[in-house]
Amino acid sequence: MGRQETEMLKGTLEGIILAFLAGRSAYGYEITAWLRDQGFADIAEGTVYALLIRVEQRGLVDVVKVPSEKGPPRKVYSLNDQGREHLEGFWRTWSFLSDRLEQLRQGGQ
């Protein structure tokens, strides 16, 4: 992935993960595996875990620790009401930006 793609992804990764969690609860490795399945192969697990810590601290997700067959309990993340509101804002911003960018790409002002 090139530098430009990496920088653009950094700005949208939170929204992508929150959108995933809007559909189901998951733990960090599941989220990372899903991202890779979606073609985001260059995203490091550490990036995902750091982002999950931030959204947890900001109160956008609920976290439940569940026993693991191997090692310590897993933290399972689910989107809460505050996270859903934040995600709605993300989609509004995304729509605004993508509409304006498409206008520019088509030669509009």
Protein backbone atom coordinates (compact mmCIF):
# COMPACT_ATOMS: atom_id res chain seq x y z
CA MET A 1 0.00 0.00 0.00
CA GLY A 2 1.40 3.38 -0.95
CA ARG A 3 1.88 6.33 1.35
CA GLN A 4 -1.19 8.18 0.03
CA GLU A 5 -3.42 5.13 0.56
CA THR A 6 -1.99 4.61 4.05
CA GLU A 7 -2.66 8.21 5.06
CA MET A 8 -6.20 8.16 3.69
CA LEU A 9 -6.91 4.87 5.44
CA LYS A 10 -5.70 6.25 8.78
CA GLY A 11 -8.40 8.92 8.54
CA THR A 12 -11.17 6.43 7.86
CA LEU A 13 -10.14 3.31 9.79
CA GLU A 14 -12.12 4.26 12.89
CA GLY A 15 -15.30 4.59 10.83
CA ILE A 16 -14.62 1.32 9.06
CA ILE A 17 -14.20 -0.54 12.35
CA LEU A 18 -17.26 1.09 13.92
CA ALA A 19 -19.29 0.14 10.82
CA PHE A 20 -18.12 -3.47 11.23
CA LEU A 21 -19.08 -3.42 14.92
CA ALA A 22 -22.51 -2.04 14.02
CA GLY A 23 -23.21 -5.44 12.49
CA ARG A 24 -21.75 -7.69 15.16
CA SER A 25 -19.63 -7.87 18.27
CA ALA A 26 -16.04 -9.01 17.82
CA TYR A 27 -12.64 -9.18 19.44
CA GLY A 28 -9.54 -7.51 18.06
CA TYR A 29 -8.13 -10.40 16.07
CA GLU A 30 -11.50 -11.02 14.39
CA ILE A 31 -11.62 -7.39 13.33
CA THR A 32 -8.06 -7.54 11.97
CA ALA A 33 -8.83 -10.76 10.06
CA TRP A 34 -11.99 -9.22 8.59
CA LEU A 35 -10.04 -6.14 7.47
CA ARG A 36 -7.52 -8.37 5.74
CA ASP A 37 -10.33 -10.30 4.06
CA GLN A 38 -11.64 -6.96 2.79
CA GLY A 39 -8.30 -6.20 1.14
CA PHE A 40 -6.67 -4.14 3.89
CA ALA A 41 -3.77 -6.57 4.18
CA ASP A 42 -1.20 -3.99 5.29
CA ILE A 43 -2.99 -2.98 8.49
CA ALA A 44 -0.96 -4.06 11.50
CA GLU A 45 -2.70 -5.70 14.45
CA GLY A 46 -1.15 -3.07 16.69
CA THR A 47 -2.92 -0.33 14.73
CA VAL A 48 -6.28 -2.02 15.24
CA TYR A 49 -5.69 -2.63 18.96
CA ALA A 50 -4.60 0.98 19.52
CA LEU A 51 -7.72 2.21 17.76
CA LEU A 52 -9.91 -0.12 19.84
CA ILE A 53 -8.37 1.28 23.03
CA ARG A 54 -9.15 4.83 21.84
CA VAL A 55 -12.78 4.11 20.95
CA GLU A 56 -13.21 2.31 24.27
CA GLN A 57 -11.78 5.28 26.18
CA ARG A 58 -14.09 7.63 24.27
CA GLY A 59 -17.10 5.52 25.24
CA LEU A 60 -18.06 4.47 21.71
CA VAL A 61 -18.03 0.73 22.41
CA ASP A 62 -18.97 -1.59 25.22
CA VAL A 63 -16.41 -4.21 26.20
CA VAL A 64 -16.98 -7.61 27.74
CA LYS A 65 -14.17 -9.96 28.71
CA VAL A 66 -14.87 -13.55 27.74
CA PRO A 67 -12.77 -16.62 28.57
CA SER A 68 -10.35 -17.79 25.92
CA GLU A 69 -9.34 -21.36 25.23
CA LYS A 70 -5.76 -20.14 25.01
CA GLY A 71 -4.35 -17.43 27.21
CA PRO A 72 -6.03 -14.51 28.94
CA PRO A 73 -9.68 -13.52 28.46
CA ARG A 74 -10.57 -11.78 25.20
CA LYS A 75 -12.09 -8.35 25.06
CA VAL A 76 -15.21 -8.44 22.89
CA TYR A 77 -16.25 -5.06 21.51
CA SER A 78 -19.78 -4.01 20.58
CA LEU A 79 -21.03 -0.68 19.34
CA ASN A 80 -23.14 1.20 21.88
CA ASP A 81 -25.61 4.08 21.39
CA GLN A 82 -22.88 6.73 21.59
CA GLY A 83 -20.86 4.80 19.03
CA ARG A 84 -23.88 4.55 16.72
CA GLU A 85 -24.32 8.33 16.87
CA HIS A 86 -20.63 8.78 16.12
CA LEU A 87 -20.90 6.36 13.20
CA GLU A 88 -23.88 8.28 11.79
CA GLY A 89 -21.74 11.43 11.89
CA PHE A 90 -18.94 9.59 10.14
CA TRP A 91 -21.30 8.53 7.32
CA ARG A 92 -22.65 12.09 6.95
CA THR A 93 -19.11 13.43 6.68
CA TRP A 94 -18.13 10.64 4.28
CA SER A 95 -21.10 11.41 2.03
CA PHE A 96 -20.31 15.11 2.01
CA LEU A 97 -16.64 14.56 1.18
CA SER A 98 -17.20 11.87 -1.41
CA ASP A 99 -19.83 14.00 -3.19
CA ARG A 100 -17.48 16.99 -3.31
CA LEU A 101 -14.53 14.90 -4.44
CA GLU A 102 -16.61 13.34 -7.22
CA GLN A 103 -17.63 16.83 -8.37
CA LEU A 104 -13.98 17.85 -8.51
CA ARG A 105 -13.01 14.66 -10.33
CA GLN A 106 -15.68 15.36 -12.93
CA GLY A 107 -14.25 18.86 -13.47
CA GLY A 108 -16.86 20.73 -11.46
CA GLN A 109 -16.16 23.54 -9.08
